Amino acid sequence: MPNGKAENEPKPVDFEAAMRDLEEIVERLEHGDLPLEESLAAFERAVMLTRSCQAALKEAEQRVEILLKKAGGAQVEDFDPDETKAV
């Protein structure tokens, strides 16, 4: 029986490497000189990398929350970008 994870979940990828790959793909797509099939393949890869990065960030957020709770430290608050503009 599978380990409970969906088969279509992105495989763990080094976050920084995934971000570099994403930047390269975006740059190639922005140039607009790729054939349609290559563009689609690049877009599919970018979607997979994006999901992997989102999963890595979510996991990091959860780990930080756990560490803060264990330490009895500050509570995690939602980020409000409008509040940072006023500072």
Protein backbone atom coordinates (compact mmCIF):
# COMPACT_ATOMS: atom_id res chain seq x y z
CA MET A 1 0.00 0.00 0.00
CA PRO A 2 1.33 3.52 -0.81
CA ASN A 3 2.66 5.74 1.93
CA GLY A 4 -0.47 7.91 1.85
CA LYS A 5 0.87 10.59 -0.46
CA ALA A 6 -0.75 11.21 -3.80
CA GLU A 7 1.26 10.01 -6.76
CA ASN A 8 0.95 13.38 -8.48
CA GLU A 9 2.57 15.26 -5.59
CA PRO A 10 5.84 16.88 -6.59
CA LYS A 11 8.97 15.05 -5.55
CA PRO A 12 11.14 16.90 -3.05
CA VAL A 13 13.54 19.19 -4.87
CA ASP A 14 16.23 21.43 -3.45
CA PHE A 15 14.37 24.74 -2.98
CA GLU A 16 17.17 26.95 -4.27
CA ALA A 17 17.77 24.73 -7.31
CA ALA A 18 14.06 24.73 -8.07
CA MET A 19 13.95 28.52 -7.88
CA ARG A 20 16.92 28.81 -10.25
CA ASP A 21 15.24 26.42 -12.68
CA LEU A 22 12.02 28.41 -12.47
CA GLU A 23 13.85 31.65 -13.22
CA GLU A 24 15.51 30.08 -16.26
CA ILE A 25 12.20 28.69 -17.53
CA VAL A 26 10.45 32.05 -17.11
CA GLU A 27 13.27 33.79 -18.96
CA ARG A 28 13.05 31.29 -21.84
CA LEU A 29 9.26 31.60 -22.02
CA GLU A 30 9.39 35.40 -21.91
CA HIS A 31 11.63 35.45 -24.97
CA GLY A 32 8.79 33.78 -26.86
CA ASP A 33 11.00 32.01 -29.36
CA LEU A 34 10.34 28.43 -28.20
CA PRO A 35 8.23 26.13 -30.35
CA LEU A 36 4.79 25.36 -28.96
CA GLU A 37 5.65 21.85 -27.72
CA GLU A 38 8.79 23.07 -25.94
CA SER A 39 6.83 25.93 -24.40
CA LEU A 40 4.21 23.52 -23.09
CA ALA A 41 6.86 21.19 -21.69
CA ALA A 42 8.63 24.13 -20.02
CA PHE A 43 5.33 25.36 -18.58
CA GLU A 44 4.54 21.89 -17.19
CA ARG A 45 7.98 21.76 -15.57
CA ALA A 46 7.46 25.23 -14.11
CA VAL A 47 4.14 24.19 -12.59
CA MET A 48 5.77 21.13 -11.02
CA LEU A 49 8.64 23.23 -9.65
CA THR A 50 6.20 25.82 -8.29
CA ARG A 51 4.26 23.15 -6.44
CA SER A 52 7.47 21.74 -5.03
CA CYS A 53 8.55 25.19 -3.81
CA GLN A 54 5.16 25.85 -2.28
CA ALA A 55 5.32 22.52 -0.43
CA ALA A 56 8.84 23.30 0.82
CA LEU A 57 7.75 26.73 2.06
CA LYS A 58 4.69 25.28 3.78
CA GLU A 59 6.84 22.67 5.51
CA ALA A 60 9.30 25.34 6.63
CA GLU A 61 6.44 27.43 8.00
CA GLN A 62 5.11 24.45 9.94
CA ARG A 63 8.54 23.70 11.37
CA VAL A 64 8.92 27.30 12.54
CA GLU A 65 5.49 27.18 14.18
CA ILE A 66 6.41 23.95 15.99
CA LEU A 67 9.69 25.43 17.20
CA LEU A 68 7.97 28.55 18.46
CA LYS A 69 5.35 26.52 20.30
CA LYS A 70 7.99 24.31 21.91
CA ALA A 71 9.97 27.33 22.99
CA GLY A 72 6.86 29.01 24.35
CA GLY A 73 7.79 31.98 22.22
CA ALA A 74 5.82 34.42 20.20
CA GLN A 75 2.74 33.38 18.34
CA VAL A 76 2.74 33.27 14.58
CA GLU A 77 0.67 36.05 13.05
CA ASP A 78 -0.61 36.41 9.51
CA PHE A 79 1.51 38.72 7.37
CA ASP A 80 -0.18 41.93 6.29
CA PRO A 81 1.90 43.71 3.62
CA ASP A 82 -0.08 46.94 4.14
CA GLU A 83 1.27 47.19 7.70
CA THR A 84 4.90 47.11 6.48
CA LYS A 85 4.28 49.99 4.05
CA ALA A 86 3.24 52.28 6.91
CA VAL A 87 6.55 51.77 8.74
